[in-house]
N, C-alpha and C. Protein backbone atom coordinates (compact mmCIF):
# COMPACT_ATOMS: atom_id res chain seq x y z
N MET A 1 -244.00 -87.24 93.11
CA MET A 1 -245.45 -86.76 93.20
C MET A 1 -246.38 -88.23 92.34
N VAL A 2 -246.74 -89.20 92.55
CA VAL A 2 -247.13 -89.91 92.19
C VAL A 2 -248.94 -90.17 92.22
N THR A 3 -249.59 -89.77 91.41
CA THR A 3 -251.16 -90.35 91.81
C THR A 3 -251.71 -92.35 91.07
N SER A 4 -252.36 -92.29 91.27
CA SER A 4 -253.12 -93.53 91.09
C SER A 4 -252.71 -93.76 89.57
N SER A 5 -253.27 -92.87 88.80
CA SER A 5 -253.60 -92.59 87.49
C SER A 5 -251.60 -93.01 86.43
N THR A 6 -250.79 -92.23 87.55
CA THR A 6 -249.85 -92.40 87.16
C THR A 6 -248.90 -93.68 87.16
N PRO A 7 -248.30 -94.11 86.43
CA PRO A 7 -246.81 -95.39 87.27
C PRO A 7 -246.66 -94.99 87.50
N HIS A 8 -245.65 -96.13 88.24
CA HIS A 8 -244.83 -95.56 89.58
C HIS A 8 -243.35 -95.32 88.78
N GLY A 9 -242.59 -94.36 88.81
CA GLY A 9 -241.14 -94.22 88.35
C GLY A 9 -241.10 -92.98 87.08
N SER A 10 -242.66 -92.88 86.57
CA SER A 10 -243.00 -91.97 85.33
C SER A 10 -243.57 -90.56 85.48
N VAL A 11 -242.94 -90.03 85.28
CA VAL A 11 -242.80 -88.25 85.07
C VAL A 11 -244.83 -88.15 84.90
N PRO A 12 -245.40 -87.23 85.79
CA PRO A 12 -246.94 -86.71 85.56
C PRO A 12 -246.75 -85.34 84.18
N ASP A 13 -248.45 -85.66 83.47
CA ASP A 13 -247.81 -84.85 82.42
C ASP A 13 -249.41 -83.29 83.16
N ILE A 14 -248.29 -82.87 84.25
CA ILE A 14 -249.36 -81.59 85.25
C ILE A 14 -248.78 -80.10 84.13
N ARG A 15 -248.61 -80.35 82.60
CA ARG A 15 -248.74 -79.06 81.68
C ARG A 15 -249.90 -78.33 81.77
N ASN A 16 -249.59 -77.11 81.97
CA ASN A 16 -251.56 -76.70 82.45
C ASN A 16 -251.75 -76.54 83.24
N ARG A 17 -251.62 -76.80 84.40
CA ARG A 17 -251.95 -76.91 85.78
C ARG A 17 -251.23 -76.15 86.78
N LEU A 18 -251.69 -75.54 87.61
CA LEU A 18 -251.64 -74.75 88.49
C LEU A 18 -250.89 -75.75 89.92
N VAL A 19 -249.73 -75.43 90.27
CA VAL A 19 -248.97 -76.35 90.99
C VAL A 19 -249.06 -75.39 92.76
N ASN A 20 -247.74 -75.57 93.33
CA ASN A 20 -247.96 -75.27 94.25
C ASN A 20 -246.52 -75.96 95.37
N PHE A 21 -246.14 -74.67 95.40
CA PHE A 21 -244.09 -75.13 96.29
C PHE A 21 -243.99 -73.74 96.90
N LYS A 22 -242.71 -74.26 97.38
CA LYS A 22 -241.93 -73.42 98.27
C LYS A 22 -240.77 -72.58 97.36
N ILE A 23 -240.70 -71.36 98.35
CA ILE A 23 -239.74 -70.09 97.34
C ILE A 23 -238.14 -70.73 97.28
N ARG A 24 -238.02 -71.33 99.20
CA ARG A 24 -237.16 -72.28 98.47
C ARG A 24 -236.17 -73.03 98.11
N ASP A 25 -237.59 -74.32 97.19
CA ASP A 25 -237.90 -75.62 96.65
C ASP A 25 -237.09 -75.42 95.17
N VAL A 26 -237.37 -73.50 94.89
CA VAL A 26 -236.95 -73.16 93.60
C VAL A 26 -235.02 -73.71 93.03
N TYR A 27 -235.52 -74.46 91.26
CA TYR A 27 -234.03 -74.37 91.56
C TYR A 27 -232.62 -73.14 90.61
N ILE A 28 -234.30 -72.66 89.41
CA ILE A 28 -233.37 -71.42 88.93
C ILE A 28 -234.73 -70.54 88.69
N PRO A 29 -235.08 -69.32 89.18
CA PRO A 29 -233.46 -68.16 89.51
C PRO A 29 -233.39 -68.95 91.07
N ASP A 30 -232.44 -68.03 91.11
CA ASP A 30 -231.70 -67.87 92.57
C ASP A 30 -233.37 -67.22 93.40
N PRO A 31 -233.84 -68.44 94.40
CA PRO A 31 -234.73 -68.16 95.69
C PRO A 31 -234.78 -65.78 95.98
N GLY A 32 -233.77 -66.13 95.98
CA GLY A 32 -233.67 -64.67 96.19
C GLY A 32 -234.11 -63.84 95.18
N GLU A 33 -233.60 -63.73 94.00
CA GLU A 33 -233.95 -63.09 93.03
C GLU A 33 -235.66 -63.15 93.30
N ILE A 34 -236.14 -64.42 93.11
CA ILE A 34 -237.40 -64.30 93.55
C ILE A 34 -238.57 -63.38 94.31
N LEU A 35 -238.00 -63.05 95.09
CA LEU A 35 -238.14 -62.54 96.59
C LEU A 35 -237.87 -60.65 95.90
N VAL A 36 -236.80 -60.20 95.45
CA VAL A 36 -236.65 -59.49 94.75
C VAL A 36 -238.17 -59.15 93.94
N GLU A 37 -237.91 -59.80 93.36
CA GLU A 37 -238.84 -59.40 91.76
C GLU A 37 -240.10 -59.00 92.53
N LEU A 38 -240.66 -60.12 93.80
CA LEU A 38 -241.55 -59.75 94.00
C LEU A 38 -242.40 -58.52 94.47
N TYR A 39 -241.20 -58.64 96.05
CA TYR A 39 -241.43 -57.47 97.29
C TYR A 39 -240.40 -56.31 97.64
N ALA A 40 -239.50 -56.38 96.66
CA ALA A 40 -238.98 -56.08 96.81
C ALA A 40 -239.12 -54.14 97.07
N ASN A 41 -240.53 -53.82 96.80
CA ASN A 41 -240.69 -52.59 97.06
C ASN A 41 -241.86 -52.80 98.50
N ASP A 42 -241.46 -54.30 98.56
CA ASP A 42 -242.63 -53.36 100.77
C ASP A 42 -242.13 -52.92 101.46
N ILE A 43 -242.59 -52.86 102.83
CA ILE A 43 -242.03 -52.00 103.42
C ILE A 43 -241.70 -52.88 105.01
N LEU A 44 -241.11 -52.70 105.39
CA LEU A 44 -240.90 -53.78 106.37
C LEU A 44 -240.97 -52.58 107.55
N GLN A 45 -241.13 -53.06 108.93
CA GLN A 45 -240.93 -52.54 110.02
C GLN A 45 -240.00 -53.51 111.47
N GLY A 46 -239.25 -52.98 112.12
CA GLY A 46 -238.69 -53.43 113.38
C GLY A 46 -238.34 -52.61 114.00
N ARG A 47 -237.53 -53.00 115.15
CA ARG A 47 -236.96 -52.11 116.25
C ARG A 47 -236.01 -51.99 115.95
N VAL A 48 -235.17 -50.75 115.64
CA VAL A 48 -233.94 -50.87 116.71
C VAL A 48 -232.56 -51.23 117.84
N LEU A 49 -231.91 -52.07 117.28
CA LEU A 49 -231.70 -52.65 118.41
C LEU A 49 -229.67 -51.68 118.57
N ASP A 50 -229.28 -51.41 117.15
CA ASP A 50 -227.62 -50.49 118.04
C ASP A 50 -227.61 -49.46 116.01
N LEU A 51 -226.52 -48.86 116.26
CA LEU A 51 -226.15 -48.32 115.29
C LEU A 51 -224.12 -48.09 115.20
N THR A 52 -224.18 -48.35 114.36
CA THR A 52 -222.75 -48.01 113.73
C THR A 52 -221.96 -47.11 114.93
N ASP A 53 -220.90 -46.88 114.60
CA ASP A 53 -220.32 -45.59 115.11
C ASP A 53 -219.53 -45.28 114.17
N THR A 54 -220.04 -44.45 113.02
CA THR A 54 -219.35 -44.08 112.55
C THR A 54 -220.09 -42.62 112.38
N GLY A 55 -219.14 -41.16 111.72
CA GLY A 55 -219.59 -39.65 111.64
C GLY A 55 -220.61 -39.78 110.91
N THR A 56 -220.69 -39.94 109.84
CA THR A 56 -222.12 -39.00 109.31
C THR A 56 -222.65 -40.23 108.52
N ILE A 57 -223.83 -39.74 108.67
CA ILE A 57 -225.45 -40.27 108.42
C ILE A 57 -225.59 -41.27 107.38
N LYS A 58 -224.20 -40.50 106.04
CA LYS A 58 -224.45 -41.65 104.63
C LYS A 58 -223.19 -42.86 105.22
N GLN A 59 -222.52 -42.96 106.38
CA GLN A 59 -222.17 -44.38 106.56
C GLN A 59 -222.35 -44.81 107.29
N ALA A 60 -223.27 -44.76 108.24
CA ALA A 60 -223.70 -45.43 109.31
C ALA A 60 -225.42 -46.33 108.66
N PHE A 61 -225.24 -47.37 109.97
CA PHE A 61 -226.03 -48.30 109.39
C PHE A 61 -227.08 -48.53 110.99
N ALA A 62 -228.35 -48.93 111.14
CA ALA A 62 -228.93 -49.92 112.31
C ALA A 62 -228.89 -50.86 111.87
N VAL A 63 -228.58 -51.59 112.98
CA VAL A 63 -229.26 -52.88 112.89
C VAL A 63 -230.74 -53.14 114.21
N VAL A 64 -231.50 -53.64 112.46
CA VAL A 64 -232.69 -54.11 113.57
C VAL A 64 -233.16 -55.13 113.34
N GLU A 65 -234.18 -55.19 114.72
CA GLU A 65 -234.83 -56.68 114.44
C GLU A 65 -236.78 -57.23 113.65
N VAL A 66 -236.66 -57.94 112.60
CA VAL A 66 -237.79 -57.81 112.46
C VAL A 66 -238.47 -59.12 112.87
N GLU A 67 -239.85 -58.58 113.30
CA GLU A 67 -240.58 -59.28 113.55
C GLU A 67 -240.80 -60.44 112.88
N GLY A 68 -240.41 -62.15 112.72
CA GLY A 68 -241.26 -63.27 111.89
C GLY A 68 -239.42 -63.58 111.21
N MET A 69 -238.20 -62.52 111.02
CA MET A 69 -237.97 -62.98 111.04
C MET A 69 -236.22 -63.58 111.81
N GLY A 70 -235.59 -64.16 111.44
CA GLY A 70 -234.84 -65.61 111.81
C GLY A 70 -233.38 -64.69 111.72
N ARG A 71 -232.49 -63.50 111.84
CA ARG A 71 -231.77 -63.13 111.80
C ARG A 71 -232.26 -61.70 111.90
N HIS A 72 -230.93 -60.35 111.59
CA HIS A 72 -231.70 -59.40 112.25
C HIS A 72 -230.80 -58.77 110.99
N VAL A 73 -231.20 -57.37 110.75
CA VAL A 73 -231.12 -56.63 109.34
C VAL A 73 -230.43 -55.67 109.31
N ILE A 74 -229.24 -55.21 108.49
CA ILE A 74 -228.19 -54.30 108.80
C ILE A 74 -229.26 -53.26 107.14
N VAL A 75 -229.79 -52.29 107.50
CA VAL A 75 -229.69 -50.92 107.15
C VAL A 75 -229.26 -50.09 107.08
N PRO A 76 -228.92 -49.40 105.78
CA PRO A 76 -228.63 -47.85 105.79
C PRO A 76 -229.45 -46.72 106.66
N ILE A 77 -228.62 -46.21 107.41
CA ILE A 77 -229.73 -45.07 108.35
C ILE A 77 -230.47 -44.33 107.39
N GLU A 78 -229.06 -43.86 106.51
CA GLU A 78 -230.73 -42.81 105.07
C GLU A 78 -231.39 -43.52 104.48
N ARG A 79 -231.49 -44.63 104.90
CA ARG A 79 -232.80 -45.12 103.72
C ARG A 79 -233.64 -45.48 104.48
N ILE A 80 -233.78 -45.21 106.09
CA ILE A 80 -234.98 -45.54 106.69
C ILE A 80 -236.23 -44.16 106.24
N LEU A 81 -237.35 -44.40 106.05
CA LEU A 81 -238.38 -44.02 105.74
C LEU A 81 -238.91 -43.10 106.57
N SER A 82 -239.23 -43.47 108.13
CA SER A 82 -239.68 -43.28 109.11
C SER A 82 -239.47 -43.27 110.13
N VAL A 83 -239.39 -42.94 111.74
CA VAL A 83 -238.97 -43.23 113.10
C VAL A 83 -240.35 -43.34 113.29
N LEU A 84 -241.07 -44.15 114.47
CA LEU A 84 -242.43 -43.88 114.81
C LEU A 84 -242.10 -44.25 116.17
């Protein structure tokens, strides 16, 4: 980021300024930690695509397609909050 008042190559003094950035560009902490801290209690909704072949509900998992996510998520069946 270089502004007209910042000499090329020097770091601008942006202390106490609001800035915007992408979560994936955070260096420390791991971006996953940020998401967990901010959104761990949010509820997602998706369509179950498949179930594991285990005998008990405590060992079973669901493969779920969540709109907007690039890959499927796997959730323990006993942690599913509701079925619509």
